[in-house]
Amino acid sequence: MSARGFAHFGLSSRDLGLASALLALVLDQGSKLLMLYVFHFVDKGPGDQVPVLPFFNLVMVWNPGVSYGLFPASGPLGTALLAVFSVVAVAALGWWLWHSTRRPLAIGLGLVIGGALGNLIDRLVHGKVADFFHFYAHGYDWYVFNVADCAITVGVAALLYDALLRPEAAAASTDGQPGVER
C-alpha cells in the first residue's frame, strides 16, 4: 500500500512518522532479545560466528560506538556522552517530525528516531550496542550491524530523497510555481 493509501485510514504524515519510529524500535529490540536470549548470543564471546549463508554470518559484536562502529566511546564517560547525544538528537528529530507535513520526511525521521532509541536502550542497559548481522562476498565485507542501524540508514536515505526530490522543488524548477506538499 502506498503512503497515499494510508490517508484513507486517517494517518497524517506525523502519524506515519510515529508509526515508523515505533516499528523500527520494536523490530530492533525484538531482534536483539531474540538473538541475545533465545539464541544465547549473550553467552558468546566477541566475534563468535554462526555461518548462515555463503555471504552472511551471525556474529556477536558489542559496539561501544554509534552506528556501524563509528565514534567508539571509551569508559563510562564516553558511554554517557553518547547516550546524552542520542537523547538530544531524538528530541530534535522528534520536534522536526512533529512539525513535518511531507510523508517521506516524516517516515525518514521516524526511522532514524526508532533506530536511535533502539541503540540508546542497548547503551543504557548494556553500556554498548549489540550487533549481529555480517554480510560479505568476494573479499569484501560490511560492518557488523543491527536492525537499528538499518533503520537509521534507510531513514537518512528517505531524508535525502525528500530534500532532493520533494514535489515543490520539482514544480518550482519546471514552471516557477510552488508545488503542492504531500
C-alpha atoms as a PDB file:
ATOM      1  CA  MET A   1       0.000   0.000   0.000  1.00  0.00           C
ATOM      2  CA  SER A   2       1.373   3.398  -0.892  1.00  0.00           C
ATOM      3  CA  ALA A   3       1.776   6.248   1.583  1.00  0.00           C
ATOM      4  CA  ARG A   4      -1.220   7.908  -0.069  1.00  0.00           C
ATOM      5  CA  GLY A   5      -3.271   4.808   0.666  1.00  0.00           C
ATOM      6  CA  PHE A   6      -2.732   5.430   4.373  1.00  0.00           C
ATOM      7  CA  ALA A   7      -4.691   8.686   4.055  1.00  0.00           C
ATOM      8  CA  HIS A   8      -7.820   6.539   3.832  1.00  0.00           C
ATOM      9  CA  PHE A   9      -7.101   5.398   7.384  1.00  0.00           C
ATOM     10  CA  GLY A  10      -6.747   8.985   8.611  1.00  0.00           C
ATOM     11  CA  LEU A  11      -2.980   8.745   9.096  1.00  0.00           C
ATOM     12  CA  SER A  12      -1.202  12.066   8.796  1.00  0.00           C
ATOM     13  CA  SER A  13       2.468  12.430   7.933  1.00  0.00           C
ATOM     14  CA  ARG A  14       3.165  12.741  11.652  1.00  0.00           C
ATOM     15  CA  ASP A  15       1.237   9.518  12.343  1.00  0.00           C
ATOM     16  CA  LEU A  16       3.264   7.678   9.693  1.00  0.00           C
ATOM     17  CA  GLY A  17       6.488   9.017  11.191  1.00  0.00           C
ATOM     18  CA  LEU A  18       5.489   7.946  14.697  1.00  0.00           C
ATOM     19  CA  ALA A  19       4.423   4.521  13.385  1.00  0.00           C
ATOM     20  CA  SER A  20       7.780   4.207  11.582  1.00  0.00           C
ATOM     21  CA  ALA A  21       9.636   5.053  14.792  1.00  0.00           C
ATOM     22  CA  LEU A  22       7.628   2.513  16.773  1.00  0.00           C
ATOM     23  CA  LEU A  23       8.062  -0.186  14.115  1.00  0.00           C
ATOM     24  CA  ALA A  24      11.832   0.372  13.926  1.00  0.00           C
ATOM     25  CA  LEU A  25      12.134   0.303  17.725  1.00  0.00           C
ATOM     26  CA  VAL A  26      10.032  -2.855  18.134  1.00  0.00           C
ATOM     27  CA  LEU A  27      11.826  -4.719  15.328  1.00  0.00           C
ATOM     28  CA  ASP A  28      15.220  -3.691  16.678  1.00  0.00           C
ATOM     29  CA  GLN A  29      14.573  -4.592  20.295  1.00  0.00           C
ATOM     30  CA  GLY A  30      12.697  -7.762  19.341  1.00  0.00           C
ATOM     31  CA  SER A  31      15.563  -8.970  17.143  1.00  0.00           C
ATOM     32  CA  LYS A  32      18.097  -8.178  19.871  1.00  0.00           C
ATOM     33  CA  LEU A  33      16.107 -10.026  22.532  1.00  0.00           C
ATOM     34  CA  LEU A  34      15.762 -12.984  20.177  1.00  0.00           C
ATOM     35  CA  MET A  35      19.446 -13.066  19.299  1.00  0.00           C
ATOM     36  CA  LEU A  36      20.767 -12.399  22.802  1.00  0.00           C
ATOM     37  CA  TYR A  37      18.468 -14.530  24.927  1.00  0.00           C
ATOM     38  CA  VAL A  38      16.689 -17.049  22.708  1.00  0.00           C
ATOM     39  CA  PHE A  39      19.704 -17.910  20.544  1.00  0.00           C
ATOM     40  CA  HIS A  40      22.058 -17.245  23.508  1.00  0.00           C
ATOM     41  CA  PHE A  41      24.368 -14.795  21.756  1.00  0.00           C
ATOM     42  CA  VAL A  42      24.742 -13.046  25.109  1.00  0.00           C
ATOM     43  CA  ASP A  43      26.861 -16.073  26.156  1.00  0.00           C
ATOM     44  CA  LYS A  44      29.080 -15.928  23.066  1.00  0.00           C
ATOM     45  CA  GLY A  45      32.464 -14.290  23.026  1.00  0.00           C
ATOM     46  CA  PRO A  46      33.180 -11.207  20.943  1.00  0.00           C
ATOM     47  CA  GLY A  47      33.415 -12.154  17.291  1.00  0.00           C
ATOM     48  CA  ASP A  48      31.903 -15.641  17.702  1.00  0.00           C
ATOM     49  CA  GLN A  49      30.168 -16.502  14.425  1.00  0.00           C
ATOM     50  CA  VAL A  50      27.346 -18.692  13.209  1.00  0.00           C
ATOM     51  CA  PRO A  51      27.549 -19.247   9.427  1.00  0.00           C
ATOM     52  CA  VAL A  52      24.132 -18.876   7.789  1.00  0.00           C
ATOM     53  CA  LEU A  53      24.746 -18.389   4.052  1.00  0.00           C
ATOM     54  CA  PRO A  54      27.910 -18.233   1.919  1.00  0.00           C
ATOM     55  CA  PHE A  55      27.707 -14.423   2.163  1.00  0.00           C
ATOM     56  CA  PHE A  56      26.123 -13.935   5.604  1.00  0.00           C
ATOM     57  CA  ASN A  57      27.046 -14.809   9.190  1.00  0.00           C
ATOM     58  CA  LEU A  58      25.505 -14.016  12.544  1.00  0.00           C
ATOM     59  CA  VAL A  59      28.278 -12.567  14.708  1.00  0.00           C
ATOM     60  CA  MET A  60      28.303 -11.351  18.306  1.00  0.00           C
ATOM     61  CA  VAL A  61      29.807  -7.870  18.445  1.00  0.00           C
ATOM     62  CA  TRP A  62      29.389  -5.401  21.295  1.00  0.00           C
ATOM     63  CA  ASN A  63      29.727  -1.980  19.699  1.00  0.00           C
ATOM     64  CA  PRO A  64      30.837   0.856  22.003  1.00  0.00           C
ATOM     65  CA  GLY A  65      30.265   3.478  19.263  1.00  0.00           C
ATOM     66  CA  VAL A  66      27.382   4.705  17.158  1.00  0.00           C
ATOM     67  CA  SER A  67      26.010   3.067  14.001  1.00  0.00           C
ATOM     68  CA  TYR A  68      28.477   0.806  12.206  1.00  0.00           C
ATOM     69  CA  GLY A  69      31.090   1.259  14.944  1.00  0.00           C
ATOM     70  CA  LEU A  70      31.742   4.932  14.264  1.00  0.00           C
ATOM     71  CA  PHE A  71      32.994   7.158  17.108  1.00  0.00           C
ATOM     72  CA  PRO A  72      33.676   4.455  19.709  1.00  0.00           C
ATOM     73  CA  ALA A  73      33.154   5.541  23.304  1.00  0.00           C
ATOM     74  CA  SER A  74      35.673   4.573  25.915  1.00  0.00           C
ATOM     75  CA  GLY A  75      34.620   4.103  29.520  1.00  0.00           C
ATOM     76  CA  PRO A  76      31.525   5.248  31.357  1.00  0.00           C
ATOM     77  CA  LEU A  77      32.029   8.920  30.451  1.00  0.00           C
ATOM     78  CA  GLY A  78      32.129   8.151  26.708  1.00  0.00           C
ATOM     79  CA  THR A  79      29.055   5.958  27.010  1.00  0.00           C
ATOM     80  CA  ALA A  80      27.227   8.684  28.936  1.00  0.00           C
ATOM     81  CA  LEU A  81      28.177  11.290  26.323  1.00  0.00           C
ATOM     82  CA  LEU A  82      26.859   9.083  23.504  1.00  0.00           C
ATOM     83  CA  ALA A  83      23.646   8.497  25.479  1.00  0.00           C
ATOM     84  CA  VAL A  84      23.168  12.239  26.046  1.00  0.00           C
ATOM     85  CA  PHE A  85      23.895  12.928  22.372  1.00  0.00           C
ATOM     86  CA  SER A  86      21.283  10.298  21.418  1.00  0.00           C
ATOM     87  CA  VAL A  87      18.655  11.856  23.692  1.00  0.00           C
ATOM     88  CA  VAL A  88      19.323  15.342  22.292  1.00  0.00           C
ATOM     89  CA  ALA A  89      19.241  14.044  18.706  1.00  0.00           C
ATOM     90  CA  VAL A  90      15.974  12.155  19.306  1.00  0.00           C
ATOM     91  CA  ALA A  91      14.418  15.262  20.887  1.00  0.00           C
ATOM     92  CA  ALA A  92      15.463  17.478  17.963  1.00  0.00           C
ATOM     93  CA  LEU A  93      14.341  14.935  15.366  1.00  0.00           C
ATOM     94  CA  GLY A  94      11.090  14.440  17.297  1.00  0.00           C
ATOM     95  CA  TRP A  95      10.401  18.184  17.165  1.00  0.00           C
ATOM     96  CA  TRP A  96      11.101  18.131  13.411  1.00  0.00           C
ATOM     97  CA  LEU A  97       8.834  15.100  12.965  1.00  0.00           C
ATOM     98  CA  TRP A  98       6.040  16.748  14.957  1.00  0.00           C
ATOM     99  CA  HIS A  99       6.073  19.679  12.529  1.00  0.00           C
ATOM    100  CA  SER A 100       6.645  17.708   9.310  1.00  0.00           C
ATOM    101  CA  THR A 101       3.996  17.650   6.604  1.00  0.00           C
ATOM    102  CA  ARG A 102       5.644  15.512   3.921  1.00  0.00           C
ATOM    103  CA  ARG A 103       5.348  11.752   4.227  1.00  0.00           C
ATOM    104  CA  PRO A 104       8.862  10.769   3.056  1.00  0.00           C
ATOM    105  CA  LEU A 105      10.335  13.265   5.517  1.00  0.00           C
ATOM    106  CA  ALA A 106       8.178  12.037   8.394  1.00  0.00           C
ATOM    107  CA  ILE A 107       8.862   8.363   7.672  1.00  0.00           C
ATOM    108  CA  GLY A 108      12.603   9.031   7.388  1.00  0.00           C
ATOM    109  CA  LEU A 109      12.628  10.954  10.657  1.00  0.00           C
ATOM    110  CA  GLY A 110      10.629   8.198  12.334  1.00  0.00           C
ATOM    111  CA  LEU A 111      13.069   5.513  11.186  1.00  0.00           C
ATOM    112  CA  VAL A 112      16.074   7.495  12.432  1.00  0.00           C
ATOM    113  CA  ILE A 113      14.326   8.153  15.760  1.00  0.00           C
ATOM    114  CA  GLY A 114      13.326   4.496  16.209  1.00  0.00           C
ATOM    115  CA  GLY A 115      16.823   3.291  15.368  1.00  0.00           C
ATOM    116  CA  ALA A 116      18.449   5.822  17.685  1.00  0.00           C
ATOM    117  CA  LEU A 117      16.114   4.810  20.523  1.00  0.00           C
ATOM    118  CA  GLY A 118      16.851   1.118  19.916  1.00  0.00           C
ATOM    119  CA  ASN A 119      20.590   1.675  20.183  1.00  0.00           C
ATOM    120  CA  LEU A 120      20.097   4.036  23.146  1.00  0.00           C
ATOM    121  CA  ILE A 121      18.245   1.309  25.051  1.00  0.00           C
ATOM    122  CA  ASP A 122      21.193  -1.051  24.469  1.00  0.00           C
ATOM    123  CA  ARG A 123      23.642   1.594  25.598  1.00  0.00           C
ATOM    124  CA  LEU A 124      21.661   2.214  28.806  1.00  0.00           C
ATOM    125  CA  VAL A 125      21.121  -1.482  29.577  1.00  0.00           C
ATOM    126  CA  HIS A 126      24.456  -2.983  28.448  1.00  0.00           C
ATOM    127  CA  GLY A 127      26.792   0.018  28.172  1.00  0.00           C
ATOM    128  CA  LYS A 128      27.245  -0.776  24.476  1.00  0.00           C
ATOM    129  CA  VAL A 129      25.174  -1.805  21.472  1.00  0.00           C
ATOM    130  CA  ALA A 130      24.576  -5.409  20.349  1.00  0.00           C
ATOM    131  CA  ASP A 131      25.290  -6.025  16.646  1.00  0.00           C
ATOM    132  CA  PHE A 132      24.799  -9.342  14.833  1.00  0.00           C
ATOM    133  CA  PHE A 133      24.485  -9.180  11.057  1.00  0.00           C
ATOM    134  CA  HIS A 134      27.581  -9.561   8.877  1.00  0.00           C
ATOM    135  CA  PHE A 135      27.447  -9.646   5.071  1.00  0.00           C
ATOM    136  CA  TYR A 136      30.498 -10.364   2.915  1.00  0.00           C
ATOM    137  CA  ALA A 137      31.318 -11.513  -0.619  1.00  0.00           C
ATOM    138  CA  HIS A 138      34.322 -11.794  -2.939  1.00  0.00           C
ATOM    139  CA  GLY A 139      36.805 -10.414  -0.423  1.00  0.00           C
ATOM    140  CA  TYR A 140      34.572  -7.519   0.623  1.00  0.00           C
ATOM    141  CA  ASP A 141      32.766  -7.367   3.912  1.00  0.00           C
ATOM    142  CA  TRP A 142      30.424  -4.915   5.577  1.00  0.00           C
ATOM    143  CA  TYR A 143      30.348  -3.772   9.160  1.00  0.00           C
ATOM    144  CA  VAL A 144      28.505  -5.920  11.650  1.00  0.00           C
ATOM    145  CA  PHE A 145      25.208  -4.142  12.266  1.00  0.00           C
ATOM    146  CA  ASN A 146      21.719  -4.456  13.737  1.00  0.00           C
ATOM    147  CA  VAL A 147      18.136  -3.536  12.801  1.00  0.00           C
ATOM    148  CA  ALA A 148      18.502  -0.069  14.385  1.00  0.00           C
ATOM    149  CA  ASP A 149      21.464   0.672  12.119  1.00  0.00           C
ATOM    150  CA  CYS A 150      19.391  -0.391   9.105  1.00  0.00           C
ATOM    151  CA  ALA A 151      16.510   1.851  10.190  1.00  0.00           C
ATOM    152  CA  ILE A 152      18.857   4.806  10.615  1.00  0.00           C
ATOM    153  CA  THR A 153      20.420   4.204   7.188  1.00  0.00           C
ATOM    154  CA  VAL A 154      17.055   3.861   5.408  1.00  0.00           C
ATOM    155  CA  GLY A 155      15.754   6.874   7.344  1.00  0.00           C
ATOM    156  CA  VAL A 156      18.676   9.035   6.228  1.00  0.00           C
ATOM    157  CA  ALA A 157      18.102   7.866   2.628  1.00  0.00           C
ATOM    158  CA  ALA A 158      14.445   8.959   2.960  1.00  0.00           C
ATOM    159  CA  LEU A 159      15.568  12.348   4.301  1.00  0.00           C
ATOM    160  CA  LEU A 160      17.906  12.751   1.325  1.00  0.00           C
ATOM    161  CA  TYR A 161      15.135  11.687  -1.046  1.00  0.00           C
ATOM    162  CA  ASP A 162      12.823  14.260   0.492  1.00  0.00           C
ATOM    163  CA  ALA A 163      15.441  17.009   0.354  1.00  0.00           C
ATOM    164  CA  LEU A 164      16.466  16.329  -3.241  1.00  0.00           C
ATOM    165  CA  LEU A 165      13.234  15.243  -4.873  1.00  0.00           C
ATOM    166  CA  ARG A 166      10.398  16.830  -2.958  1.00  0.00           C
ATOM    167  CA  PRO A 167       7.440  17.850  -5.130  1.00  0.00           C
ATOM    168  CA  GLU A 168       7.676  21.599  -4.561  1.00  0.00           C
ATOM    169  CA  ALA A 169      11.314  21.656  -5.724  1.00  0.00           C
ATOM    170  CA  ALA A 170      10.432  19.807  -8.920  1.00  0.00           C
ATOM    171  CA  ALA A 171       7.397  22.020  -9.578  1.00  0.00           C
ATOM    172  CA  ALA A 172       9.389  25.206  -8.968  1.00  0.00           C
ATOM    173  CA  SER A 173      12.070  24.134 -11.421  1.00  0.00           C
ATOM    174  CA  THR A 174       9.565  23.352 -14.203  1.00  0.00           C
ATOM    175  CA  ASP A 175       7.032  26.166 -14.027  1.00  0.00           C
ATOM    176  CA  GLY A 176       8.190  28.608 -11.386  1.00  0.00           C
ATOM    177  CA  GLN A 177       5.105  27.866  -9.258  1.00  0.00           C
ATOM    178  CA  PRO A 178       5.405  26.271  -5.813  1.00  0.00           C
ATOM    179  CA  GLY A 179       4.277  22.656  -5.707  1.00  0.00           C
ATOM    180  CA  VAL A 180       1.650  21.103  -3.511  1.00  0.00           C
ATOM    181  CA  GLU A 181       3.044  19.355  -0.462  1.00  0.00           C
ATOM    182  CA  ARG A 182       2.091  15.757   0.055  1.00  0.00           C
END
